[in-house]
Amino acid sequence: MKNKIIACILFSFISAAGSSVFAQQNLPKDLLADSIYPYNQNDADMMVPKSGNSFSTKGILYGGWLNPVIIDDNDGVKNLRTSMNSLKIWIKSYLWENSFLYIRGKDTYTKLLKMDGYDKQVFEDQGYKNDAKNVIDLDVGFITMTTETNTMKLTLGRNYFLLGSGLVLNGRGDGAELNIYSRYVKADLFGAYTGYLKKDDDPYKLSTRDNTDGSNRVFAGGSLSFDIDNQSLYFMGMSQKDRGKEAAGEKSLYQSQYYGGGLKGVIMKMLQYNAEFVYETGKSYTQAGKSDSIKAYAAQVNINYYFVAAMNPVLSLQYAYGSGDKDKSSYSSPNGNVKGDDTGFLAFGTYVGGYALRPVLANMHVARGGFTLSPFSGSDSPSMKRINLIGKYSYYLKDQANSPIKSGEATEHDKHIGQGIDGSLRWGIFDDLAVFVNYSVFMPGKAYASTENDKTRKFFMGGLNLNF
């Protein structure tokens, strides 16, 4: 074990990071969600057109991107290899000054290449036939209207909704968002409904009924931010109401509210930081159907230091915390609490925490450190300048030793979850073509049973993004 720790520390200086956490269920679908690779969500095409009489600002624009990806996930017992191919086509039509209609469709074809240790019936229940599934869906579709003075913007339709850093909410929905701008203050208000996201894999599913009928949740909230020099202070709040159906004889509706704030900015030119704290309240049900109060919280801090040196090195330090509950059996279920107040944090956003473990930020302390390098930043070739290597080491620790993590793993009464290493390559070969590779390992600690903590988990993901 000592040799493993030493290897982790050394390798953290040359390996890479990056991850998205969308696994709300302990099912293979957390590997099959489009959102696990967010490299194609640089939606510059969704920006408000600039004024001027030209076809590019007062006409019809269109384009898209193709995103083939290979994912291989091996936890030491089961091995799942998947090919995912996503095609997105968008069209944007000018309506009137500073306003437009934007529609983007998505076709995702998923092929299961290897399923060692998995029950094929699980995939068939998710719509796979002959180990493959094709889903055509409306990704986003909305109208944006902006005032001539750019002090107010209204967006109506299906869109991505983000609150704060995205820890509380970061996902699609059908609704409206109002942005109000002034010199020092910015206000954002939104309301969204997830009940029409039927075809796609969505991250809002918690109960077994959600998986059957789709999640039916209403989100409403907003934020107020103040900008002073290079610093920004913001306060936020959100209410989540579950309007889904409960299974017969089961109480599972999870009603939650979130309050918090954050601070972000730049210090001494080269030091960038952001910090956020969230308190969760509301009502949940125990497994026995008893109503209990939610009293949970989460926080995260990120610091990046940009060195003026060859290869443009960036040093990053991160800490994140999600509260746990000593009596809770699952942190991805609405009724995972056993008794008493529910102090286990549960939100509907995303957290970057390592691909091999893909942690849910609940009952967990996560400390991460690493850096980014551009090894050919001094090259005369624009393509070579866009090669980036990212490396990160992660250490995971429980909040409550007696409680598991995620959907019920790491059940030993010990706080030491384990450690992970992530390595990533990002290369923008051309302006319209980029490739990415991620490799991650997770070494379980004493929180896992003796039969599990010697099984290193390995994760690989590689693909490209072609814009047209």
Protein backbone atom coordinates (compact mmCIF):
# COMPACT_ATOMS: atom_id res chain seq x y z
CA MET A 1 0.00 0.00 0.00
CA LYS A 2 2.88 2.40 0.77
CA ASN A 3 4.26 1.82 -2.72
CA LYS A 4 0.86 2.66 -4.20
CA ILE A 5 0.73 5.93 -2.26
CA ILE A 6 4.21 6.92 -3.41
CA ALA A 7 3.34 6.05 -7.00
CA CYS A 8 0.22 8.20 -6.79
CA ILE A 9 2.11 11.23 -5.51
CA LEU A 10 4.75 10.94 -8.23
CA PHE A 11 2.31 10.25 -11.03
CA SER A 12 0.07 13.15 -10.04
CA PHE A 13 2.70 15.50 -11.47
CA ILE A 14 2.54 13.95 -14.93
CA SER A 15 -1.06 12.68 -15.23
CA ALA A 16 -4.25 14.46 -16.19
CA ALA A 17 -7.67 15.16 -14.85
CA GLY A 18 -11.16 16.05 -15.76
CA SER A 19 -14.45 14.39 -15.03
CA SER A 20 -18.21 14.85 -14.92
CA VAL A 21 -20.42 13.31 -12.38
CA PHE A 22 -23.85 12.49 -13.63
CA ALA A 23 -24.31 9.05 -12.08
CA GLN A 24 -27.49 9.28 -10.05
CA GLN A 25 -28.07 5.53 -10.27
CA ASN A 26 -25.71 2.62 -9.70
CA LEU A 27 -26.45 1.38 -13.22
CA PRO A 28 -24.35 1.32 -16.39
CA LYS A 29 -26.30 4.26 -17.78
CA ASP A 30 -24.03 6.64 -15.88
CA LEU A 31 -21.43 5.73 -18.51
CA LEU A 32 -23.84 6.08 -21.38
CA ALA A 33 -25.03 9.63 -20.76
CA ASP A 34 -24.14 12.27 -23.34
CA SER A 35 -23.12 14.60 -20.52
CA ILE A 36 -20.10 12.53 -19.46
CA TYR A 37 -18.02 14.24 -22.15
CA PRO A 38 -18.81 18.00 -22.02
CA TYR A 39 -16.21 18.96 -24.64
CA ASN A 40 -18.80 19.76 -27.28
CA GLN A 41 -20.79 22.24 -25.22
CA ASN A 42 -18.88 25.35 -26.24
CA ASP A 43 -22.04 26.84 -27.68
CA ALA A 44 -20.68 29.97 -29.35
CA ASP A 45 -23.38 29.48 -31.98
CA MET A 46 -25.99 30.21 -29.30
CA MET A 47 -24.79 33.77 -28.64
CA VAL A 48 -26.94 36.81 -29.46
CA PRO A 49 -26.20 38.07 -33.00
CA LYS A 50 -24.41 41.39 -33.26
CA SER A 51 -26.21 44.26 -34.90
CA GLY A 52 -25.61 45.09 -38.57
CA ASN A 53 -27.23 44.40 -41.92
CA SER A 54 -25.58 41.21 -43.16
CA PHE A 55 -26.71 37.66 -43.77
CA SER A 56 -24.67 36.40 -40.80
CA THR A 57 -26.62 38.61 -38.39
CA LYS A 58 -29.99 38.89 -40.13
CA GLY A 59 -30.51 35.60 -41.86
CA ILE A 60 -30.53 31.88 -41.21
CA LEU A 61 -27.40 30.13 -39.91
CA TYR A 62 -26.85 26.41 -39.45
CA GLY A 63 -24.15 23.95 -38.49
CA GLY A 64 -23.40 21.05 -36.21
CA TRP A 65 -20.83 18.69 -34.82
CA LEU A 66 -20.01 15.01 -34.79
CA ASN A 67 -18.68 13.47 -31.58
CA PRO A 68 -17.60 9.77 -31.70
CA VAL A 69 -16.32 8.41 -28.38
CA ILE A 70 -15.02 5.10 -27.04
CA ILE A 71 -15.42 4.43 -23.29
CA ASP A 72 -13.92 1.51 -21.38
CA ASP A 73 -14.74 1.12 -17.68
CA ASN A 74 -13.23 -1.70 -15.61
CA ASP A 75 -13.82 -1.90 -11.85
CA GLY A 76 -11.75 -5.04 -11.37
CA VAL A 77 -14.82 -7.31 -11.56
CA LYS A 78 -16.99 -5.93 -14.36
CA ASN A 79 -15.87 -4.44 -17.64
CA LEU A 80 -18.06 -2.30 -19.89
CA ARG A 81 -16.84 -1.00 -23.26
CA THR A 82 -19.07 1.35 -25.18
CA SER A 83 -19.03 3.20 -28.49
CA MET A 84 -21.03 6.44 -28.46
CA ASN A 85 -21.59 8.52 -31.58
CA SER A 86 -23.42 11.80 -31.19
CA LEU A 87 -24.52 14.03 -34.07
CA LYS A 88 -25.97 17.46 -33.33
CA ILE A 89 -27.43 19.78 -35.95
CA TRP A 90 -28.41 23.36 -35.14
CA ILE A 91 -30.20 26.16 -36.92
CA LYS A 92 -30.44 29.78 -35.84
CA SER A 93 -32.85 32.26 -37.36
CA TYR A 94 -32.81 36.01 -36.80
CA LEU A 95 -36.19 37.36 -35.61
CA TRP A 96 -35.66 41.04 -34.86
CA GLU A 97 -32.86 43.21 -33.48
CA ASN A 98 -30.86 41.30 -30.82
CA SER A 99 -33.27 38.36 -30.83
CA PHE A 100 -33.22 34.94 -32.45
CA LEU A 101 -34.67 31.44 -32.54
CA TYR A 102 -32.25 28.56 -31.92
CA ILE A 103 -33.03 24.85 -32.40
CA ARG A 104 -30.62 21.94 -32.00
CA GLY A 105 -31.46 18.31 -32.60
CA LYS A 106 -29.44 15.34 -31.40
CA ASP A 107 -29.00 11.79 -32.67
CA THR A 108 -27.04 9.51 -30.33
CA TYR A 109 -26.14 5.98 -31.36
CA THR A 110 -24.72 3.77 -28.60
CA LYS A 111 -23.22 0.34 -29.19
CA LEU A 112 -22.22 -1.98 -26.34
CA LEU A 113 -18.94 -3.62 -27.35
CA LYS A 114 -18.14 -5.52 -24.16
CA MET A 115 -20.27 -6.36 -21.10
CA ASP A 116 -18.22 -8.69 -18.93
CA GLY A 117 -20.00 -9.24 -15.61
CA TYR A 118 -23.15 -7.30 -16.54
CA ASP A 119 -26.69 -8.59 -16.82
CA LYS A 120 -27.83 -7.91 -20.40
CA GLN A 121 -31.40 -7.57 -19.15
CA VAL A 122 -30.43 -4.28 -17.47
CA PHE A 123 -29.55 -2.83 -20.86
CA GLU A 124 -32.61 -4.27 -22.54
CA ASP A 125 -34.77 -2.56 -19.90
CA GLN A 126 -33.11 0.71 -20.93
CA GLY A 127 -34.11 0.25 -24.55
CA TYR A 128 -31.11 -1.58 -26.01
CA LYS A 129 -31.82 -4.07 -28.79
CA ASN A 130 -29.01 -6.27 -30.07
CA ASP A 131 -26.67 -4.36 -27.75
CA ALA A 132 -27.42 -1.02 -29.43
CA LYS A 133 -29.70 1.96 -29.00
CA ASN A 134 -30.35 5.03 -31.15
CA VAL A 135 -32.07 8.10 -29.69
CA ILE A 136 -33.23 11.11 -31.71
CA ASP A 137 -34.28 14.00 -29.53
CA LEU A 138 -34.61 17.78 -29.30
CA ASP A 139 -31.48 18.84 -27.46
CA VAL A 140 -32.38 22.53 -27.07
CA GLY A 141 -34.86 24.88 -28.68
CA PHE A 142 -35.52 28.42 -27.48
CA ILE A 143 -36.15 32.05 -28.32
CA THR A 144 -33.85 34.73 -26.90
CA MET A 145 -34.87 38.39 -26.74
CA THR A 146 -32.49 41.15 -25.62
CA THR A 147 -33.20 44.85 -25.13
CA GLU A 148 -31.38 47.42 -27.27
CA THR A 149 -29.37 48.59 -24.25
CA ASN A 150 -28.37 45.00 -23.37
CA THR A 151 -29.69 45.46 -19.83
CA MET A 152 -32.21 42.63 -20.00
CA LYS A 153 -32.43 39.26 -21.73
CA LEU A 154 -35.32 36.79 -21.75
CA THR A 155 -34.95 33.17 -22.93
CA LEU A 156 -37.95 30.89 -23.44
CA GLY A 157 -37.91 27.19 -24.28
CA ARG A 158 -35.68 24.14 -23.79
CA ASN A 159 -32.22 25.15 -22.62
CA TYR A 160 -29.39 24.41 -20.19
CA PHE A 161 -29.90 25.90 -16.74
CA LEU A 162 -26.97 26.65 -14.46
CA LEU A 163 -27.00 27.94 -10.88
CA GLY A 164 -23.77 29.22 -9.37
CA SER A 165 -20.88 26.87 -10.10
CA GLY A 166 -23.28 24.14 -11.21
CA LEU A 167 -23.08 22.08 -8.04
CA VAL A 168 -26.77 22.58 -7.22
CA LEU A 169 -28.18 22.62 -10.76
CA ASN A 170 -26.58 22.10 -14.16
CA GLY A 171 -28.77 20.48 -16.76
CA ARG A 172 -31.50 20.80 -19.35
CA GLY A 173 -35.12 21.69 -18.85
CA ASP A 174 -38.09 23.43 -20.44
CA GLY A 175 -38.75 26.86 -19.03
CA ALA A 176 -37.66 30.48 -18.93
CA GLU A 177 -34.71 32.53 -17.75
CA LEU A 178 -34.52 36.28 -17.19
CA ASN A 179 -31.16 38.07 -16.94
CA ILE A 180 -30.99 41.66 -15.72
CA TYR A 181 -27.70 43.57 -16.02
CA SER A 182 -26.42 46.80 -14.51
CA ARG A 183 -22.98 48.25 -13.93
CA TYR A 184 -22.35 46.52 -10.60
CA VAL A 185 -25.23 44.08 -10.13
CA LYS A 186 -26.54 41.16 -12.17
CA ALA A 187 -29.76 39.28 -11.39
CA ASP A 188 -30.72 35.90 -12.89
CA LEU A 189 -34.14 34.30 -12.43
CA PHE A 190 -35.29 30.99 -13.90
CA GLY A 191 -37.96 28.32 -13.83
CA ALA A 192 -37.72 24.90 -15.50
CA TYR A 193 -39.62 21.63 -15.80
CA THR A 194 -38.05 18.24 -16.61
CA GLY A 195 -41.19 16.24 -17.32
CA TYR A 196 -40.82 16.46 -21.10
CA LEU A 197 -37.28 15.02 -21.18
CA LYS A 198 -38.62 11.56 -21.91
CA LYS A 199 -36.33 10.15 -24.57
CA ASP A 200 -32.93 11.24 -23.36
CA ASP A 201 -30.97 10.00 -20.37
CA ASP A 202 -31.51 12.75 -17.83
CA PRO A 203 -29.64 13.28 -14.54
CA TYR A 204 -32.74 14.09 -12.49
CA LYS A 205 -33.90 10.51 -11.95
CA LEU A 206 -33.83 9.32 -8.33
CA SER A 207 -36.64 6.86 -7.67
CA THR A 208 -37.60 3.65 -9.47
CA ARG A 209 -40.72 5.49 -10.67
CA ASP A 210 -38.49 8.19 -12.18
CA ASN A 211 -36.76 5.53 -14.23
CA THR A 212 -40.08 4.13 -15.42
CA ASP A 213 -42.02 7.32 -16.14
CA GLY A 214 -39.25 9.90 -16.36
CA SER A 215 -38.49 12.56 -13.79
CA ASN A 216 -41.13 15.24 -13.28
CA ARG A 217 -39.41 18.01 -11.35
CA VAL A 218 -39.93 21.75 -11.19
CA PHE A 219 -36.95 24.01 -10.50
CA ALA A 220 -37.29 27.69 -9.64
CA GLY A 221 -34.63 30.03 -8.36
CA GLY A 222 -32.07 32.64 -9.14
CA SER A 223 -28.93 34.45 -8.17
CA LEU A 224 -27.77 37.97 -7.43
CA SER A 225 -24.14 38.86 -8.12
CA PHE A 226 -22.05 41.94 -7.39
CA ASP A 227 -18.88 42.78 -9.31
CA ILE A 228 -16.16 44.90 -7.73
CA ASP A 229 -12.89 45.25 -9.63
CA ASN A 230 -11.80 41.66 -10.38
CA GLN A 231 -13.99 40.04 -7.73
CA SER A 232 -17.54 38.78 -7.92
CA LEU A 233 -19.76 37.98 -4.93
CA TYR A 234 -23.01 36.13 -5.52
CA PHE A 235 -25.96 34.80 -3.56
CA MET A 236 -28.31 32.13 -4.84
CA GLY A 237 -31.40 30.16 -3.97
CA MET A 238 -33.44 27.40 -5.57
CA SER A 239 -36.49 25.29 -4.83
CA GLN A 240 -36.98 21.82 -6.31
CA LYS A 241 -40.42 20.24 -6.30
CA ASP A 242 -40.97 16.61 -7.25
CA ARG A 243 -44.27 16.29 -9.13
CA GLY A 244 -43.77 12.65 -10.07
CA LYS A 245 -45.91 9.66 -9.20
CA GLU A 246 -45.12 7.39 -6.30
CA ALA A 247 -45.20 3.63 -6.54
CA ALA A 248 -48.03 1.95 -4.64
CA GLY A 249 -47.31 1.89 -0.93
CA GLU A 250 -44.11 3.93 -1.31
CA LYS A 251 -43.30 7.44 -0.12
CA SER A 252 -40.46 8.74 -2.26
CA LEU A 253 -41.07 12.36 -3.25
CA TYR A 254 -37.97 14.42 -2.48
CA GLN A 255 -38.70 18.13 -1.95
CA SER A 256 -35.64 20.31 -1.42
CA GLN A 257 -34.52 23.93 -1.22
CA TYR A 258 -30.98 25.28 -1.57
CA TYR A 259 -29.45 28.52 -0.29
CA GLY A 260 -25.90 29.65 -0.65
CA GLY A 261 -23.37 31.92 -2.21
CA GLY A 262 -19.91 32.19 -3.57
CA LEU A 263 -16.94 34.36 -4.30
CA LYS A 264 -14.71 34.27 -7.35
CA GLY A 265 -12.10 36.43 -8.97
CA VAL A 266 -8.45 37.10 -9.72
CA ILE A 267 -5.74 38.00 -7.22
CA MET A 268 -2.26 39.23 -8.15
CA LYS A 269 -2.99 38.77 -11.88
CA MET A 270 -1.89 35.15 -11.98
CA LEU A 271 -4.02 33.69 -9.18
CA GLN A 272 -7.62 32.74 -9.98
CA TYR A 273 -10.02 31.34 -7.39
CA ASN A 274 -13.65 30.46 -6.73
CA ALA A 275 -15.44 29.24 -3.63
CA GLU A 276 -19.04 28.24 -2.99
CA PHE A 277 -21.13 27.13 -0.02
CA VAL A 278 -24.63 25.58 -0.19
CA TYR A 279 -27.12 24.74 2.56
CA GLU A 280 -29.91 22.29 1.72
CA THR A 281 -33.23 22.06 3.53
CA GLY A 282 -36.59 20.46 2.75
CA LYS A 283 -38.33 17.12 3.29
CA SER A 284 -37.50 13.51 2.46
CA TYR A 285 -38.89 10.11 3.44
CA THR A 286 -37.13 7.26 5.16
CA GLN A 287 -37.25 3.75 3.75
CA ALA A 288 -40.12 3.09 6.18
CA GLY A 289 -42.13 6.01 4.75
CA LYS A 290 -41.58 8.45 7.63
CA SER A 291 -41.19 12.14 6.77
CA ASP A 292 -37.96 13.79 7.94
CA SER A 293 -36.33 17.18 7.58
CA ILE A 294 -33.35 17.72 5.30
CA LYS A 295 -30.41 19.52 6.89
CA ALA A 296 -27.40 19.12 4.62
CA TYR A 297 -24.66 21.25 3.09
CA ALA A 298 -21.80 21.26 0.63
CA ALA A 299 -18.84 23.44 -0.27
CA GLN A 300 -16.01 23.62 -2.73
CA VAL A 301 -12.89 25.76 -3.26
CA ASN A 302 -10.76 25.91 -6.41
CA ILE A 303 -7.46 27.78 -6.86
CA ASN A 304 -5.50 28.06 -10.12
CA TYR A 305 -2.08 29.72 -10.38
CA TYR A 306 -0.80 30.62 -13.84
CA PHE A 307 3.01 30.66 -14.13
CA VAL A 308 4.81 32.91 -16.60
CA ALA A 309 7.18 30.23 -17.87
CA ALA A 310 7.82 27.84 -20.71
CA MET A 311 4.89 25.50 -21.52
CA ASN A 312 2.46 27.86 -19.72
CA PRO A 313 2.10 25.73 -16.56
CA VAL A 314 -0.99 26.08 -14.40
CA LEU A 315 -1.07 24.71 -10.85
CA SER A 316 -4.51 23.75 -9.50
CA LEU A 317 -5.67 22.94 -5.97
CA GLN A 318 -9.21 21.87 -5.16
CA TYR A 319 -11.23 20.89 -2.11
CA ALA A 320 -14.86 19.78 -2.04
CA TYR A 321 -17.17 18.58 0.70
CA GLY A 322 -20.66 17.11 0.79
CA SER A 323 -22.23 16.26 4.14
CA GLY A 324 -23.13 12.71 5.05
CA ASP A 325 -25.63 10.98 7.31
CA LYS A 326 -24.57 8.17 9.62
CA ASP A 327 -27.89 6.36 9.02
CA LYS A 328 -28.12 6.78 5.23
CA SER A 329 -27.79 3.80 2.90
CA SER A 330 -27.72 5.63 -0.46
CA TYR A 331 -26.90 9.14 -1.69
CA SER A 332 -28.56 8.75 -5.07
CA SER A 333 -31.99 7.73 -3.83
CA PRO A 334 -34.81 9.95 -2.49
CA ASN A 335 -35.48 7.62 0.46
CA GLY A 336 -31.98 6.43 1.24
CA ASN A 337 -32.24 7.82 4.78
CA VAL A 338 -33.02 5.27 7.51
CA LYS A 339 -34.03 7.42 10.48
CA GLY A 340 -33.84 10.93 11.92
CA ASP A 341 -33.02 14.14 10.07
CA ASP A 342 -31.59 13.64 6.61
CA THR A 343 -28.14 15.27 6.66
CA GLY A 344 -26.90 13.70 3.42
CA PHE A 345 -26.42 16.27 0.65
CA LEU A 346 -28.30 15.58 -2.60
CA ALA A 347 -28.43 18.05 -5.48
CA PHE A 348 -29.06 18.09 -9.24
CA GLY A 349 -25.84 19.54 -10.59
CA THR A 350 -22.40 18.28 -11.49
CA TYR A 351 -19.14 17.83 -9.68
CA VAL A 352 -15.71 17.20 -11.22
CA GLY A 353 -14.10 14.50 -9.09
CA GLY A 354 -12.26 11.85 -11.14
CA TYR A 355 -13.41 9.49 -13.88
CA ALA A 356 -12.56 6.14 -12.33
CA LEU A 357 -14.56 6.71 -9.12
CA ARG A 358 -17.01 9.32 -10.47
CA PRO A 359 -17.99 10.39 -6.96
CA VAL A 360 -21.31 11.84 -5.93
CA LEU A 361 -20.46 14.77 -3.66
CA ALA A 362 -22.13 13.46 -0.52
CA ASN A 363 -20.62 11.93 2.64
CA MET A 364 -17.28 12.86 1.20
CA HIS A 365 -14.21 15.09 1.48
CA VAL A 366 -12.26 15.35 -1.77
CA ALA A 367 -8.80 16.92 -2.03
CA ARG A 368 -7.28 17.28 -5.50
CA GLY A 369 -4.07 18.74 -6.86
CA GLY A 370 -2.51 18.86 -10.28
CA PHE A 371 -1.45 21.01 -13.18
CA THR A 372 -1.86 21.77 -16.86
CA LEU A 373 0.92 22.09 -19.43
CA SER A 374 1.05 23.30 -23.03
CA PRO A 375 4.25 21.50 -24.06
CA PHE A 376 4.49 23.16 -27.47
CA SER A 377 3.34 26.65 -26.55
CA GLY A 378 6.49 28.10 -28.14
CA SER A 379 5.93 26.35 -31.46
CA ASP A 380 5.33 28.26 -34.69
CA SER A 381 2.50 25.86 -35.49
CA PRO A 382 -0.94 27.05 -34.27
CA SER A 383 -2.03 23.41 -34.12
CA MET A 384 0.85 22.34 -31.88
CA LYS A 385 0.22 25.28 -29.56
CA ARG A 386 -3.23 23.86 -28.84
CA ILE A 387 -1.94 20.63 -27.26
CA ASN A 388 -2.70 20.55 -23.53
CA LEU A 389 -1.77 17.94 -20.94
CA ILE A 390 -3.66 17.90 -17.64
CA GLY A 391 -2.75 15.92 -14.54
CA LYS A 392 -4.45 15.48 -11.19
CA TYR A 393 -4.21 13.40 -8.01
CA SER A 394 -7.30 12.93 -5.81
CA TYR A 395 -7.73 11.74 -2.25
CA TYR A 396 -11.19 10.71 -1.02
CA LEU A 397 -12.32 10.60 2.62
CA LYS A 398 -15.74 9.91 4.16
CA ASP A 399 -17.62 12.42 6.29
CA GLN A 400 -19.47 9.70 8.26
CA ALA A 401 -17.46 6.49 8.58
CA ASN A 402 -20.51 4.27 9.22
CA SER A 403 -22.29 5.33 6.05
CA PRO A 404 -21.49 4.29 2.44
CA ILE A 405 -20.95 6.57 -0.57
CA LYS A 406 -22.78 6.95 -3.89
CA SER A 407 -25.53 4.33 -4.21
CA GLY A 408 -24.21 2.09 -1.45
CA GLU A 409 -20.54 1.27 -1.98
CA ALA A 410 -17.56 1.57 0.42
CA THR A 411 -19.68 0.06 3.23
CA GLU A 412 -16.88 -0.64 5.72
CA HIS A 413 -16.90 1.53 8.85
CA ASP A 414 -13.75 3.36 7.86
CA LYS A 415 -13.27 6.88 6.47
CA HIS A 416 -10.54 6.10 3.93
CA ILE A 417 -12.28 5.75 0.55
CA GLY A 418 -9.14 5.72 -1.57
CA GLN A 419 -7.16 7.74 -4.08
CA GLY A 420 -7.25 8.39 -7.80
CA ILE A 421 -5.10 9.56 -10.68
CA ASP A 422 -6.43 11.23 -13.83
CA GLY A 423 -4.58 11.95 -17.06
CA SER A 424 -5.93 13.90 -20.03
CA LEU A 425 -4.83 15.07 -23.46
CA ARG A 426 -6.65 17.89 -25.28
CA TRP A 427 -5.58 18.78 -28.80
CA GLY A 428 -7.32 21.30 -31.01
CA ILE A 429 -5.80 20.05 -34.26
CA PHE A 430 -7.72 22.56 -36.35
CA ASP A 431 -10.29 25.21 -35.54
CA ASP A 432 -13.03 22.70 -36.34
CA LEU A 433 -11.40 19.43 -35.22
CA ALA A 434 -10.29 18.45 -31.72
CA VAL A 435 -9.36 15.16 -30.06
CA PHE A 436 -9.34 14.19 -26.40
CA VAL A 437 -8.12 11.24 -24.35
CA ASN A 438 -8.77 10.56 -20.66
CA TYR A 439 -7.25 7.82 -18.56
CA SER A 440 -8.04 7.36 -14.87
CA VAL A 441 -7.37 4.88 -12.10
CA PHE A 442 -8.89 4.58 -8.62
CA MET A 443 -7.32 2.55 -5.82
CA PRO A 444 -9.88 1.68 -3.12
CA GLY A 445 -9.03 2.21 0.55
CA LYS A 446 -10.10 0.61 3.80
CA ALA A 447 -13.70 1.80 3.38
CA TYR A 448 -14.04 -1.05 0.88
CA ALA A 449 -14.16 -4.70 1.92
CA SER A 450 -10.92 -6.66 1.80
CA THR A 451 -12.13 -8.43 -1.33
CA GLU A 452 -12.57 -5.05 -3.08
CA ASN A 453 -9.74 -2.81 -1.92
CA ASP A 454 -7.12 -4.70 -3.92
CA LYS A 455 -9.01 -4.19 -7.21
CA THR A 456 -7.82 -1.07 -9.01
CA ARG A 457 -10.49 0.54 -11.16
CA LYS A 458 -9.48 1.74 -14.61
CA PHE A 459 -11.27 4.12 -16.94
CA PHE A 460 -10.45 5.14 -20.51
CA MET A 461 -12.25 7.55 -22.80
CA GLY A 462 -11.13 8.83 -26.17
CA GLY A 463 -12.83 10.63 -29.00
CA LEU A 464 -12.94 13.60 -31.30
CA ASN A 465 -15.15 16.60 -31.94
CA LEU A 466 -15.71 17.72 -35.53
CA ASN A 467 -17.53 21.02 -36.08
CA PHE A 468 -19.13 21.92 -39.41
